[in-house]
């Protein structure tokens, strides 16, 4: 690669995948020589291959042997190290960042009060806990969810509707999720963030574990 990279800690990557499959209700991950494979089975997202230490040889082997459009690679390395290794029609998507946090002591805290003008709803179904901030009309202004795998919570699908941003809703959702996860016995957290999300999560005590590159095989 163009630079020396610190390999991602595989147990952290594995914990993220284990929680992600619960959150997304997909089949469990399959251990493969290069890492993990998840058979998602959706249009445009047939399968994903997660590689904690993507060497050039591994990337070239995968891109040479994976031929089904809609196959994704999730590689624990920055895009500028991965992009030169990808032949057409592989496409690099937005930069991502795997982040971790400790949840020590959070179980004793009360969830934050929702921002003025919003109501908080927390529900759990099939091992997935979702927090939603609702407008008086019942519209979802912000949301997020988590699943606990072992002692690690995996936070997923955190988003704020465009008309409700910069009002502290994302912070309220994240703090609510963290406290509820700690009450469920989670001791640590892991998530994969966009660049915009990374900035928010850093203010809440999350730290970067590894940059990630998402790539998809186009049709």
N, C-alpha and C. Protein backbone atom coordinates (compact mmCIF):
# COMPACT_ATOMS: atom_id res chain seq x y z
N UNK A 1 0.84 -1.19 0.00
CA UNK A 1 0.00 0.00 0.00
C UNK A 1 0.88 1.26 0.00
N UNK A 2 0.22 2.41 -0.19
CA UNK A 2 0.99 3.64 -0.27
C UNK A 2 1.53 4.07 1.09
N UNK A 3 1.00 3.54 2.18
CA UNK A 3 1.45 3.93 3.50
C UNK A 3 1.37 2.72 4.43
N UNK A 4 2.10 2.81 5.54
CA UNK A 4 2.05 1.74 6.53
C UNK A 4 0.81 1.96 7.39
N UNK A 5 -0.02 0.94 7.51
CA UNK A 5 -1.26 1.05 8.24
C UNK A 5 -1.23 0.19 9.48
N UNK A 6 -1.83 0.68 10.55
CA UNK A 6 -1.97 -0.11 11.76
C UNK A 6 -3.18 -1.02 11.58
N UNK A 7 -3.02 -2.34 11.64
CA UNK A 7 -4.16 -3.23 11.44
C UNK A 7 -5.25 -2.98 12.48
N UNK A 8 -6.48 -3.08 12.04
CA UNK A 8 -7.60 -2.97 12.98
C UNK A 8 -7.59 -4.19 13.90
N UNK A 9 -8.05 -3.98 15.12
CA UNK A 9 -8.12 -5.06 16.09
C UNK A 9 -9.29 -5.95 15.71
N UNK A 10 -9.03 -7.20 15.30
CA UNK A 10 -10.09 -8.03 14.74
C UNK A 10 -11.25 -8.24 15.71
N UNK A 11 -11.03 -8.46 17.02
CA UNK A 11 -12.19 -8.63 17.90
C UNK A 11 -13.15 -7.44 17.88
N UNK A 12 -12.64 -6.23 17.70
CA UNK A 12 -13.52 -5.06 17.61
C UNK A 12 -14.31 -5.11 16.31
N UNK A 13 -13.63 -5.44 15.22
CA UNK A 13 -14.31 -5.56 13.93
C UNK A 13 -15.36 -6.67 14.01
N UNK A 14 -15.02 -7.79 14.62
CA UNK A 14 -15.97 -8.89 14.75
C UNK A 14 -17.18 -8.47 15.57
N UNK A 15 -16.96 -7.74 16.66
CA UNK A 15 -18.08 -7.28 17.48
C UNK A 15 -19.00 -6.37 16.68
N UNK A 16 -18.42 -5.50 15.85
CA UNK A 16 -19.24 -4.62 15.02
C UNK A 16 -20.09 -5.44 14.05
N UNK A 17 -19.49 -6.42 13.41
CA UNK A 17 -20.24 -7.24 12.46
C UNK A 17 -21.33 -8.04 13.17
N UNK A 18 -21.01 -8.61 14.32
CA UNK A 18 -22.00 -9.41 15.06
C UNK A 18 -23.21 -8.56 15.45
N UNK A 19 -22.97 -7.32 15.86
CA UNK A 19 -24.09 -6.46 16.20
C UNK A 19 -24.83 -5.94 14.98
N UNK A 20 -24.08 -5.69 13.90
CA UNK A 20 -24.68 -5.16 12.68
C UNK A 20 -25.69 -6.15 12.10
N UNK A 21 -25.36 -7.43 12.10
CA UNK A 21 -26.29 -8.42 11.52
C UNK A 21 -27.56 -8.53 12.35
N UNK A 22 -27.46 -8.32 13.67
CA UNK A 22 -28.68 -8.30 14.49
C UNK A 22 -29.50 -7.05 14.16
N UNK A 23 -28.82 -5.92 14.08
CA UNK A 23 -29.51 -4.66 13.79
C UNK A 23 -30.21 -4.69 12.45
N UNK A 24 -29.57 -5.32 11.45
CA UNK A 24 -30.14 -5.33 10.09
C UNK A 24 -30.92 -6.60 9.78
N UNK A 25 -31.01 -7.52 10.74
CA UNK A 25 -31.76 -8.75 10.57
C UNK A 25 -31.30 -9.54 9.34
N UNK A 26 -29.99 -9.76 9.26
CA UNK A 26 -29.40 -10.53 8.17
C UNK A 26 -28.85 -11.84 8.75
N UNK A 27 -28.49 -12.79 7.88
CA UNK A 27 -27.83 -13.99 8.39
C UNK A 27 -26.52 -13.64 9.09
N UNK A 28 -26.09 -14.51 9.98
CA UNK A 28 -24.86 -14.28 10.73
C UNK A 28 -23.64 -14.29 9.85
N UNK A 29 -22.55 -13.70 10.31
CA UNK A 29 -21.33 -13.65 9.51
C UNK A 29 -20.68 -15.02 9.36
N UNK A 30 -20.00 -15.20 8.25
CA UNK A 30 -19.26 -16.42 7.96
C UNK A 30 -17.77 -16.08 7.98
N UNK A 31 -17.00 -16.87 8.72
CA UNK A 31 -15.55 -16.65 8.78
C UNK A 31 -14.93 -17.15 7.48
N UNK A 32 -14.15 -16.30 6.84
CA UNK A 32 -13.46 -16.62 5.60
C UNK A 32 -11.99 -16.24 5.77
N UNK A 33 -11.11 -16.71 4.88
CA UNK A 33 -9.67 -16.46 5.08
C UNK A 33 -9.31 -14.98 5.20
N UNK A 34 -10.00 -14.10 4.51
CA UNK A 34 -9.66 -12.69 4.55
C UNK A 34 -10.41 -11.91 5.63
N UNK A 35 -11.34 -12.56 6.32
CA UNK A 35 -12.08 -11.85 7.36
C UNK A 35 -13.45 -12.44 7.58
N UNK A 36 -14.49 -11.68 7.24
CA UNK A 36 -15.87 -12.11 7.45
C UNK A 36 -16.71 -11.80 6.22
N UNK A 37 -17.71 -12.65 5.98
CA UNK A 37 -18.65 -12.41 4.90
C UNK A 37 -20.06 -12.43 5.47
N UNK A 38 -20.87 -11.48 5.04
CA UNK A 38 -22.28 -11.44 5.43
C UNK A 38 -23.10 -11.49 4.15
N UNK A 39 -23.98 -12.47 4.06
CA UNK A 39 -24.86 -12.61 2.90
C UNK A 39 -26.12 -11.80 3.15
N UNK A 40 -26.12 -10.56 2.72
CA UNK A 40 -27.20 -9.63 3.02
C UNK A 40 -28.45 -9.97 2.21
N UNK A 41 -28.27 -10.24 0.91
CA UNK A 41 -29.38 -10.68 0.10
C UNK A 41 -30.34 -9.61 -0.34
N UNK A 42 -29.90 -8.35 -0.44
CA UNK A 42 -30.76 -7.27 -0.87
C UNK A 42 -30.35 -6.78 -2.26
N UNK A 43 -31.26 -6.23 -3.03
CA UNK A 43 -30.87 -5.63 -4.31
C UNK A 43 -29.84 -4.52 -4.10
N UNK A 44 -28.74 -4.60 -4.81
CA UNK A 44 -27.69 -3.62 -4.64
C UNK A 44 -26.80 -3.86 -3.45
N UNK A 45 -27.13 -4.85 -2.64
CA UNK A 45 -26.32 -5.19 -1.47
C UNK A 45 -26.44 -6.69 -1.24
N UNK A 46 -25.88 -7.44 -2.17
CA UNK A 46 -26.01 -8.89 -2.16
C UNK A 46 -25.23 -9.49 -1.00
N UNK A 47 -24.00 -9.05 -0.83
CA UNK A 47 -23.13 -9.56 0.23
C UNK A 47 -22.11 -8.49 0.56
N UNK A 48 -21.54 -8.59 1.75
CA UNK A 48 -20.43 -7.70 2.11
C UNK A 48 -19.30 -8.54 2.69
N UNK A 49 -18.10 -8.13 2.35
CA UNK A 49 -16.89 -8.79 2.82
C UNK A 49 -16.13 -7.78 3.68
N UNK A 50 -15.90 -8.14 4.94
CA UNK A 50 -15.27 -7.23 5.90
C UNK A 50 -13.84 -7.71 6.13
N UNK A 51 -12.89 -6.81 5.88
CA UNK A 51 -11.46 -7.17 5.95
C UNK A 51 -10.78 -6.24 6.95
N UNK A 52 -10.30 -6.81 8.06
CA UNK A 52 -9.68 -6.00 9.10
C UNK A 52 -8.28 -5.54 8.73
N UNK A 53 -7.58 -6.34 7.92
CA UNK A 53 -6.22 -5.98 7.52
C UNK A 53 -6.08 -6.20 6.01
N UNK A 54 -6.52 -5.22 5.21
CA UNK A 54 -6.56 -5.40 3.76
C UNK A 54 -5.20 -5.15 3.09
N UNK A 55 -4.44 -6.20 2.90
CA UNK A 55 -3.19 -6.07 2.16
C UNK A 55 -3.49 -5.90 0.68
N UNK A 56 -2.55 -5.37 -0.10
CA UNK A 56 -2.77 -5.28 -1.55
C UNK A 56 -3.10 -6.62 -2.18
N UNK A 57 -2.43 -7.68 -1.72
CA UNK A 57 -2.69 -9.01 -2.28
C UNK A 57 -4.13 -9.45 -2.01
N UNK A 58 -4.62 -9.19 -0.80
CA UNK A 58 -5.98 -9.56 -0.45
C UNK A 58 -6.99 -8.79 -1.29
N UNK A 59 -6.78 -7.49 -1.43
CA UNK A 59 -7.71 -6.67 -2.20
C UNK A 59 -7.74 -7.12 -3.66
N UNK A 60 -6.58 -7.36 -4.23
CA UNK A 60 -6.53 -7.79 -5.63
C UNK A 60 -7.18 -9.16 -5.82
N UNK A 61 -6.99 -10.05 -4.86
CA UNK A 61 -7.60 -11.37 -4.97
C UNK A 61 -9.12 -11.28 -4.89
N UNK A 62 -9.62 -10.47 -3.96
CA UNK A 62 -11.06 -10.33 -3.82
C UNK A 62 -11.68 -9.69 -5.07
N UNK A 63 -11.08 -8.62 -5.56
CA UNK A 63 -11.67 -7.95 -6.72
C UNK A 63 -11.57 -8.79 -7.98
N UNK A 64 -10.65 -9.73 -8.00
CA UNK A 64 -10.53 -10.61 -9.16
C UNK A 64 -11.51 -11.77 -9.12
N UNK A 65 -11.94 -12.15 -7.91
CA UNK A 65 -12.78 -13.35 -7.78
C UNK A 65 -14.24 -13.03 -7.51
N UNK A 66 -14.55 -11.86 -6.98
CA UNK A 66 -15.94 -11.47 -6.72
C UNK A 66 -16.51 -10.84 -7.98
N UNK A 67 -17.55 -11.43 -8.53
CA UNK A 67 -18.07 -11.00 -9.82
C UNK A 67 -19.54 -10.60 -9.81
N UNK A 68 -20.21 -10.70 -8.67
CA UNK A 68 -21.64 -10.40 -8.60
C UNK A 68 -21.85 -8.91 -8.31
N UNK A 69 -22.51 -8.18 -9.23
CA UNK A 69 -22.80 -6.77 -8.93
C UNK A 69 -23.60 -6.64 -7.63
N UNK A 70 -23.33 -5.57 -6.91
CA UNK A 70 -23.97 -5.39 -5.62
C UNK A 70 -23.21 -6.01 -4.48
N UNK A 71 -22.01 -6.54 -4.75
CA UNK A 71 -21.14 -7.05 -3.69
C UNK A 71 -20.34 -5.88 -3.11
N UNK A 72 -20.26 -5.85 -1.80
CA UNK A 72 -19.58 -4.75 -1.11
C UNK A 72 -18.32 -5.25 -0.42
N UNK A 73 -17.34 -4.37 -0.34
CA UNK A 73 -16.16 -4.57 0.49
C UNK A 73 -16.17 -3.51 1.59
N UNK A 74 -15.90 -3.93 2.81
CA UNK A 74 -15.71 -3.02 3.93
C UNK A 74 -14.29 -3.25 4.43
N UNK A 75 -13.42 -2.30 4.14
CA UNK A 75 -11.98 -2.48 4.33
C UNK A 75 -11.47 -1.51 5.39
N UNK A 76 -10.76 -2.02 6.37
CA UNK A 76 -10.25 -1.19 7.47
C UNK A 76 -8.96 -0.51 7.03
N UNK A 77 -9.12 0.51 6.21
CA UNK A 77 -7.99 1.28 5.68
C UNK A 77 -8.56 2.53 5.03
N UNK A 78 -7.77 3.60 4.93
CA UNK A 78 -8.27 4.83 4.30
C UNK A 78 -8.44 4.66 2.79
N UNK A 79 -9.30 5.48 2.23
CA UNK A 79 -9.62 5.36 0.81
C UNK A 79 -8.42 5.60 -0.08
N UNK A 80 -7.51 6.49 0.32
CA UNK A 80 -6.37 6.76 -0.57
C UNK A 80 -5.41 5.59 -0.65
N UNK A 81 -5.50 4.65 0.30
CA UNK A 81 -4.69 3.44 0.23
C UNK A 81 -5.38 2.35 -0.57
N UNK A 82 -6.71 2.39 -0.62
CA UNK A 82 -7.48 1.33 -1.26
C UNK A 82 -7.82 1.66 -2.71
N UNK A 83 -8.19 2.89 -2.99
CA UNK A 83 -8.68 3.24 -4.32
C UNK A 83 -7.73 2.84 -5.45
N UNK A 84 -6.40 3.02 -5.31
CA UNK A 84 -5.52 2.63 -6.42
C UNK A 84 -5.51 1.12 -6.69
N UNK A 85 -6.00 0.32 -5.74
CA UNK A 85 -5.98 -1.13 -5.91
C UNK A 85 -7.25 -1.66 -6.56
N UNK A 86 -8.26 -0.82 -6.74
CA UNK A 86 -9.56 -1.29 -7.20
C UNK A 86 -9.69 -1.11 -8.72
N UNK A 87 -9.91 -2.20 -9.43
CA UNK A 87 -10.16 -2.08 -10.88
C UNK A 87 -11.60 -1.68 -11.14
N UNK A 88 -11.86 -1.21 -12.33
CA UNK A 88 -13.25 -0.99 -12.73
C UNK A 88 -13.94 -2.35 -12.86
N UNK A 89 -15.24 -2.44 -12.52
CA UNK A 89 -16.17 -1.36 -12.14
C UNK A 89 -16.37 -1.21 -10.64
N UNK A 90 -15.35 -1.49 -9.83
CA UNK A 90 -15.46 -1.24 -8.40
C UNK A 90 -15.49 0.26 -8.13
N UNK A 91 -16.38 0.70 -7.25
CA UNK A 91 -16.54 2.11 -6.93
C UNK A 91 -16.32 2.34 -5.45
N UNK A 92 -15.51 3.33 -5.12
CA UNK A 92 -15.30 3.72 -3.72
C UNK A 92 -16.44 4.65 -3.30
N UNK A 93 -17.04 4.36 -2.17
CA UNK A 93 -18.14 5.17 -1.64
C UNK A 93 -17.59 6.19 -0.64
N UNK A 94 -18.49 6.82 0.11
CA UNK A 94 -18.07 7.84 1.07
C UNK A 94 -17.13 7.27 2.12
N UNK A 95 -16.20 8.11 2.59
CA UNK A 95 -15.28 7.69 3.64
C UNK A 95 -16.05 7.36 4.91
N UNK A 96 -15.56 6.35 5.63
CA UNK A 96 -16.19 5.92 6.88
C UNK A 96 -15.13 5.78 7.96
N UNK A 97 -15.59 5.74 9.21
CA UNK A 97 -14.68 5.70 10.35
C UNK A 97 -15.25 4.78 11.42
N UNK A 98 -14.52 3.72 11.76
CA UNK A 98 -14.93 2.87 12.87
C UNK A 98 -14.48 3.53 14.17
N UNK A 99 -15.43 3.67 15.10
CA UNK A 99 -15.16 4.37 16.35
C UNK A 99 -15.60 3.49 17.53
N UNK A 100 -14.95 3.71 18.66
CA UNK A 100 -15.26 2.94 19.86
C UNK A 100 -15.44 3.88 21.05
N UNK A 101 -16.10 3.37 22.09
CA UNK A 101 -16.31 4.14 23.31
C UNK A 101 -16.48 3.19 24.48
N UNK A 102 -16.12 3.66 25.67
CA UNK A 102 -16.40 2.93 26.90
C UNK A 102 -17.71 3.42 27.48
N UNK A 103 -18.49 2.50 28.04
CA UNK A 103 -19.79 2.85 28.60
C UNK A 103 -19.81 2.78 30.12
N UNK A 104 -18.65 2.73 30.73
CA UNK A 104 -18.54 2.59 32.18
C UNK A 104 -19.30 3.70 32.89
N UNK A 105 -20.17 3.31 33.81
CA UNK A 105 -20.90 4.26 34.64
C UNK A 105 -22.17 4.80 34.04
N UNK A 106 -22.42 4.54 32.76
CA UNK A 106 -23.59 5.14 32.12
C UNK A 106 -24.91 4.51 32.59
N UNK A 107 -24.86 3.26 33.06
CA UNK A 107 -26.09 2.59 33.48
C UNK A 107 -26.76 3.31 34.64
N UNK A 108 -25.99 4.09 35.40
CA UNK A 108 -26.56 4.78 36.56
C UNK A 108 -27.22 6.10 36.18
N UNK A 109 -27.04 6.54 34.93
CA UNK A 109 -27.57 7.83 34.52
C UNK A 109 -28.99 7.71 33.99
N UNK A 110 -29.72 8.80 34.09
CA UNK A 110 -31.04 8.87 33.48
C UNK A 110 -30.90 9.33 32.03
N UNK A 111 -31.71 8.80 31.14
CA UNK A 111 -31.66 9.29 29.75
C UNK A 111 -31.92 10.79 29.71
N UNK A 112 -31.34 11.49 28.75
CA UNK A 112 -31.53 12.95 28.69
C UNK A 112 -32.97 13.30 28.34
N UNK A 113 -33.37 14.46 28.81
CA UNK A 113 -34.68 14.98 28.42
C UNK A 113 -34.64 15.34 26.94
N UNK A 114 -35.70 15.06 26.20
CA UNK A 114 -35.70 15.42 24.78
C UNK A 114 -35.66 16.92 24.60
N UNK A 115 -35.06 17.41 23.53
CA UNK A 115 -35.08 18.85 23.27
C UNK A 115 -36.51 19.38 23.22
N UNK A 116 -36.66 20.64 23.56
CA UNK A 116 -37.98 21.26 23.59
C UNK A 116 -38.69 21.09 22.25
N UNK A 117 -39.94 20.65 22.33
CA UNK A 117 -40.74 20.49 21.12
C UNK A 117 -40.72 19.08 20.55
N UNK A 118 -40.00 18.16 21.21
CA UNK A 118 -39.90 16.79 20.72
C UNK A 118 -40.24 15.82 21.85
N UNK A 119 -40.72 14.65 21.47
CA UNK A 119 -40.99 13.58 22.41
C UNK A 119 -40.08 12.40 22.10
N UNK A 120 -39.60 11.74 23.15
CA UNK A 120 -38.69 10.61 22.99
C UNK A 120 -39.47 9.30 23.10
N UNK A 121 -39.24 8.39 22.16
CA UNK A 121 -39.83 7.05 22.19
C UNK A 121 -38.72 6.03 22.06
N UNK A 122 -38.66 5.08 23.00
CA UNK A 122 -37.66 4.02 22.98
C UNK A 122 -38.38 2.69 22.95
N UNK A 123 -38.06 1.87 21.96
CA UNK A 123 -38.71 0.56 21.82
C UNK A 123 -37.64 -0.50 21.56
N UNK A 124 -37.95 -1.75 21.94
CA UNK A 124 -37.06 -2.86 21.69
C UNK A 124 -37.85 -3.99 21.05
N UNK A 125 -37.30 -4.52 19.96
CA UNK A 125 -37.94 -5.64 19.27
C UNK A 125 -36.85 -6.50 18.62
N UNK A 126 -36.94 -7.82 18.87
CA UNK A 126 -36.02 -8.79 18.26
C UNK A 126 -34.56 -8.43 18.52
N UNK A 127 -34.27 -7.95 19.73
CA UNK A 127 -32.90 -7.65 20.10
C UNK A 127 -32.38 -6.31 19.64
N UNK A 128 -33.25 -5.50 19.02
CA UNK A 128 -32.83 -4.19 18.52
C UNK A 128 -33.60 -3.12 19.28
N UNK A 129 -32.88 -2.20 19.90
CA UNK A 129 -33.49 -1.08 20.61
C UNK A 129 -33.36 0.17 19.76
N UNK A 130 -34.48 0.85 19.54
CA UNK A 130 -34.50 2.07 18.73
C UNK A 130 -34.95 3.24 19.58
N UNK A 131 -34.30 4.38 19.38
CA UNK A 131 -34.70 5.63 20.02
C UNK A 131 -35.12 6.59 18.92
N UNK A 132 -36.28 7.21 19.11
CA UNK A 132 -36.80 8.15 18.12
C UNK A 132 -37.23 9.43 18.82
N UNK A 133 -36.91 10.55 18.20
CA UNK A 133 -37.41 11.84 18.64
C UNK A 133 -38.51 12.25 17.67
N UNK A 134 -39.72 12.50 18.22
CA UNK A 134 -40.90 12.74 17.42
C UNK A 134 -41.36 14.18 17.54
N UNK A 135 -41.88 14.72 16.44
CA UNK A 135 -42.50 16.04 16.46
C UNK A 135 -43.91 15.91 17.04
N UNK A 136 -44.54 17.04 17.37
CA UNK A 136 -45.94 16.97 17.86
C UNK A 136 -46.88 16.29 16.87
N UNK A 137 -46.52 16.30 15.58
CA UNK A 137 -47.36 15.63 14.58
C UNK A 137 -47.03 14.16 14.44
N UNK A 138 -46.07 13.68 15.22
CA UNK A 138 -45.71 12.27 15.18
C UNK A 138 -44.69 11.91 14.13
N UNK A 139 -44.10 12.90 13.47
CA UNK A 139 -43.06 12.63 12.48
C UNK A 139 -41.74 12.34 13.19
N UNK A 140 -40.93 11.46 12.59
CA UNK A 140 -39.62 11.12 13.15
C UNK A 140 -38.62 12.20 12.75
N UNK A 141 -38.14 12.94 13.74
CA UNK A 141 -37.17 14.00 13.47
C UNK A 141 -35.73 13.48 13.56
N UNK A 142 -35.51 12.51 14.42
CA UNK A 142 -34.18 11.91 14.57
C UNK A 142 -34.36 10.51 15.12
N UNK A 143 -33.41 9.64 14.79
CA UNK A 143 -33.54 8.26 15.24
C UNK A 143 -32.16 7.61 15.29
N UNK A 144 -32.11 6.46 15.94
CA UNK A 144 -30.93 5.61 15.96
C UNK A 144 -31.31 4.31 16.61
N UNK A 145 -30.49 3.30 16.46
CA UNK A 145 -30.79 2.00 17.05
C UNK A 145 -29.50 1.29 17.43
N UNK A 146 -29.65 0.24 18.26
CA UNK A 146 -28.47 -0.54 18.62
C UNK A 146 -28.85 -1.99 18.84
N UNK A 147 -27.83 -2.84 18.75
CA UNK A 147 -27.93 -4.24 19.14
C UNK A 147 -26.70 -4.55 19.96
N UNK A 148 -26.87 -5.40 20.96
CA UNK A 148 -25.76 -5.78 21.83
C UNK A 148 -25.28 -7.17 21.43
N UNK A 149 -23.98 -7.28 21.18
CA UNK A 149 -23.34 -8.56 20.87
C UNK A 149 -22.26 -8.80 21.91
N UNK A 150 -22.47 -9.81 22.77
CA UNK A 150 -21.54 -10.01 23.88
C UNK A 150 -21.62 -8.82 24.81
N UNK A 151 -20.50 -8.22 25.12
CA UNK A 151 -20.48 -7.05 25.99
C UNK A 151 -20.35 -5.75 25.22
N UNK A 152 -20.58 -5.78 23.90
CA UNK A 152 -20.39 -4.60 23.06
C UNK A 152 -21.70 -4.20 22.41
N UNK A 153 -22.01 -2.90 22.46
CA UNK A 153 -23.17 -2.38 21.76
C UNK A 153 -22.71 -1.86 20.41
N UNK A 154 -23.50 -2.17 19.39
CA UNK A 154 -23.25 -1.66 18.04
C UNK A 154 -24.35 -0.66 17.72
N UNK A 155 -23.96 0.59 17.58
CA UNK A 155 -24.90 1.67 17.27
C UNK A 155 -25.03 1.77 15.76
N UNK A 156 -26.26 1.94 15.30
CA UNK A 156 -26.53 1.84 13.87
C UNK A 156 -27.66 2.79 13.47
N UNK A 157 -27.64 3.19 12.21
CA UNK A 157 -28.73 3.95 11.59
C UNK A 157 -29.10 5.20 12.38
N UNK A 158 -28.10 5.96 12.79
CA UNK A 158 -28.35 7.23 13.47
C UNK A 158 -28.51 8.32 12.40
N UNK A 159 -29.60 9.03 12.43
CA UNK A 159 -29.83 10.07 11.43
C UNK A 159 -30.80 11.10 11.96
N UNK A 160 -30.65 12.31 11.46
CA UNK A 160 -31.55 13.41 11.78
C UNK A 160 -32.14 13.95 10.49
N UNK A 161 -33.44 14.13 10.45
CA UNK A 161 -34.10 14.64 9.26
C UNK A 161 -33.58 16.04 8.93
N UNK A 162 -33.45 16.36 7.64
CA UNK A 162 -32.83 17.64 7.25
C UNK A 162 -33.41 18.87 7.93
N UNK A 163 -34.73 18.92 8.11
CA UNK A 163 -35.33 20.10 8.70
C UNK A 163 -35.17 20.22 10.20
N UNK A 164 -34.46 19.27 10.83
CA UNK A 164 -34.35 19.27 12.29
C UNK A 164 -32.90 19.23 12.77
N UNK A 165 -31.97 19.51 11.90
CA UNK A 165 -30.56 19.41 12.26
C UNK A 165 -30.10 20.65 13.03
N UNK A 166 -28.97 20.47 13.72
CA UNK A 166 -28.34 21.54 14.52
C UNK A 166 -29.25 22.01 15.66
N UNK A 167 -29.99 21.06 16.23
CA UNK A 167 -30.83 21.37 17.39
C UNK A 167 -30.52 20.44 18.57
N UNK A 168 -29.44 19.68 18.46
CA UNK A 168 -29.07 18.78 19.55
C UNK A 168 -29.78 17.45 19.53
N UNK A 169 -30.50 17.15 18.46
CA UNK A 169 -31.26 15.90 18.42
C UNK A 169 -30.34 14.69 18.31
N UNK A 170 -29.30 14.78 17.49
CA UNK A 170 -28.38 13.66 17.36
C UNK A 170 -27.69 13.34 18.67
N UNK A 171 -27.31 14.38 19.40
CA UNK A 171 -26.68 14.18 20.71
C UNK A 171 -27.64 13.48 21.67
N UNK A 172 -28.90 13.92 21.68
CA UNK A 172 -29.89 13.30 22.57
C UNK A 172 -30.10 11.84 22.22
N UNK A 173 -30.18 11.53 20.94
CA UNK A 173 -30.36 10.13 20.53
C UNK A 173 -29.17 9.29 20.94
N UNK A 174 -27.97 9.77 20.69
CA UNK A 174 -26.77 8.99 21.02
C UNK A 174 -26.65 8.76 22.51
N UNK A 175 -26.91 9.77 23.32
CA UNK A 175 -26.82 9.59 24.77
C UNK A 175 -27.89 8.63 25.27
N UNK A 176 -29.07 8.71 24.70
CA UNK A 176 -30.13 7.77 25.08
C UNK A 176 -29.74 6.34 24.74
N UNK A 177 -29.22 6.13 23.55
CA UNK A 177 -28.81 4.79 23.14
C UNK A 177 -27.71 4.25 24.05
N UNK A 178 -26.72 5.08 24.36
CA UNK A 178 -25.60 4.63 25.19
C UNK A 178 -26.07 4.22 26.58
N UNK A 179 -26.96 5.00 27.18
CA UNK A 179 -27.44 4.69 28.52
C UNK A 179 -28.27 3.41 28.52
N UNK A 180 -29.14 3.26 27.54
CA UNK A 180 -29.95 2.04 27.48
C UNK A 180 -29.08 0.82 27.20
N UNK A 181 -28.06 0.98 26.38
CA UNK A 181 -27.15 -0.14 26.11
C UNK A 181 -26.38 -0.53 27.37
N UNK A 182 -25.93 0.45 28.13
CA UNK A 182 -25.22 0.15 29.38
C UNK A 182 -26.13 -0.59 30.36
N UNK A 183 -27.40 -0.21 30.38
CA UNK A 183 -28.35 -0.91 31.25
C UNK A 183 -28.58 -2.35 30.79
N UNK A 184 -28.34 -2.60 29.49
CA UNK A 184 -28.46 -3.95 28.96
C UNK A 184 -27.19 -4.77 29.18
N UNK A 185 -26.18 -4.18 29.82
CA UNK A 185 -24.96 -4.91 30.12
C UNK A 185 -23.80 -4.63 29.21
N UNK A 186 -23.96 -3.74 28.24
CA UNK A 186 -22.85 -3.41 27.34
C UNK A 186 -21.79 -2.62 28.09
N UNK A 187 -20.55 -2.99 27.89
CA UNK A 187 -19.43 -2.30 28.53
C UNK A 187 -18.68 -1.39 27.58
N UNK A 188 -18.84 -1.62 26.27
CA UNK A 188 -18.15 -0.84 25.26
C UNK A 188 -19.05 -0.68 24.06
N UNK A 189 -18.74 0.28 23.21
CA UNK A 189 -19.53 0.51 22.02
C UNK A 189 -18.65 0.59 20.79
N UNK A 190 -19.22 0.26 19.65
CA UNK A 190 -18.54 0.40 18.37
C UNK A 190 -19.57 0.80 17.33
N UNK A 191 -19.15 1.64 16.40
CA UNK A 191 -20.01 2.08 15.31
C UNK A 191 -19.14 2.45 14.13
N UNK A 192 -19.77 2.60 12.98
CA UNK A 192 -19.09 3.09 11.79
C UNK A 192 -19.80 4.37 11.38
N UNK A 193 -19.03 5.46 11.32
CA UNK A 193 -19.59 6.79 11.12
C UNK A 193 -19.19 7.37 9.77
N UNK A 194 -20.03 8.28 9.28
CA UNK A 194 -19.64 9.14 8.18
C UNK A 194 -18.72 10.23 8.72
N UNK A 195 -18.17 11.03 7.82
CA UNK A 195 -17.31 12.13 8.27
C UNK A 195 -18.09 13.11 9.13
N UNK A 196 -19.34 13.40 8.76
CA UNK A 196 -20.16 14.31 9.55
C UNK A 196 -20.48 13.70 10.91
N UNK A 197 -20.81 12.40 10.92
CA UNK A 197 -21.11 11.75 12.18
C UNK A 197 -19.91 11.67 13.09
N UNK A 198 -18.73 11.47 12.51
CA UNK A 198 -17.52 11.37 13.32
C UNK A 198 -17.32 12.61 14.19
N UNK A 199 -17.56 13.78 13.61
CA UNK A 199 -17.38 15.02 14.36
C UNK A 199 -18.31 15.07 15.58
N UNK A 200 -19.55 14.63 15.41
CA UNK A 200 -20.48 14.60 16.54
C UNK A 200 -20.05 13.59 17.58
N UNK A 201 -19.71 12.38 17.15
CA UNK A 201 -19.41 11.32 18.10
C UNK A 201 -18.14 11.62 18.90
N UNK A 202 -17.19 12.32 18.30
CA UNK A 202 -15.99 12.71 19.06
C UNK A 202 -16.34 13.60 20.24
N UNK A 203 -17.32 14.47 20.08
CA UNK A 203 -17.72 15.34 21.19
C UNK A 203 -18.40 14.55 22.30
N UNK A 204 -18.85 13.32 22.00
CA UNK A 204 -19.54 12.48 22.98
C UNK A 204 -18.62 11.41 23.56
N UNK A 205 -17.32 11.49 23.27
CA UNK A 205 -16.37 10.57 23.87
C UNK A 205 -15.98 9.37 23.04
N UNK A 206 -16.45 9.30 21.80
CA UNK A 206 -16.07 8.21 20.92
C UNK A 206 -14.72 8.54 20.27
N UNK A 207 -13.90 7.51 20.07
CA UNK A 207 -12.58 7.72 19.49
C UNK A 207 -12.41 6.85 18.24
N UNK A 208 -11.56 7.32 17.36
CA UNK A 208 -11.32 6.61 16.10
C UNK A 208 -10.55 5.32 16.35
N UNK A 209 -11.06 4.22 15.83
CA UNK A 209 -10.33 2.95 15.85
C UNK A 209 -9.60 2.71 14.54
N UNK A 210 -10.29 2.92 13.44
CA UNK A 210 -9.67 2.77 12.13
C UNK A 210 -10.50 3.49 11.08
N UNK A 211 -9.85 4.15 10.11
CA UNK A 211 -10.62 4.60 8.95
C UNK A 211 -11.08 3.39 8.15
N UNK A 212 -12.17 3.55 7.43
CA UNK A 212 -12.71 2.46 6.63
C UNK A 212 -13.03 2.94 5.22
N UNK A 213 -12.91 2.01 4.30
CA UNK A 213 -13.31 2.28 2.92
C UNK A 213 -14.39 1.31 2.51
N UNK A 214 -15.48 1.84 2.01
CA UNK A 214 -16.56 1.02 1.45
C UNK A 214 -16.46 1.08 -0.06
N UNK A 215 -16.51 -0.09 -0.69
CA UNK A 215 -16.46 -0.17 -2.15
C UNK A 215 -17.52 -1.16 -2.60
N UNK A 216 -18.12 -0.89 -3.76
CA UNK A 216 -19.16 -1.76 -4.28
C UNK A 216 -18.86 -2.09 -5.74
N UNK A 217 -19.20 -3.30 -6.13
CA UNK A 217 -19.04 -3.73 -7.51
C UNK A 217 -20.28 -3.30 -8.29
N UNK A 218 -20.09 -2.33 -9.17
CA UNK A 218 -21.22 -1.79 -9.93
C UNK A 218 -21.64 -2.77 -11.02
N UNK A 219 -22.87 -2.58 -11.48
CA UNK A 219 -23.39 -3.44 -12.55
C UNK A 219 -22.71 -3.12 -13.87
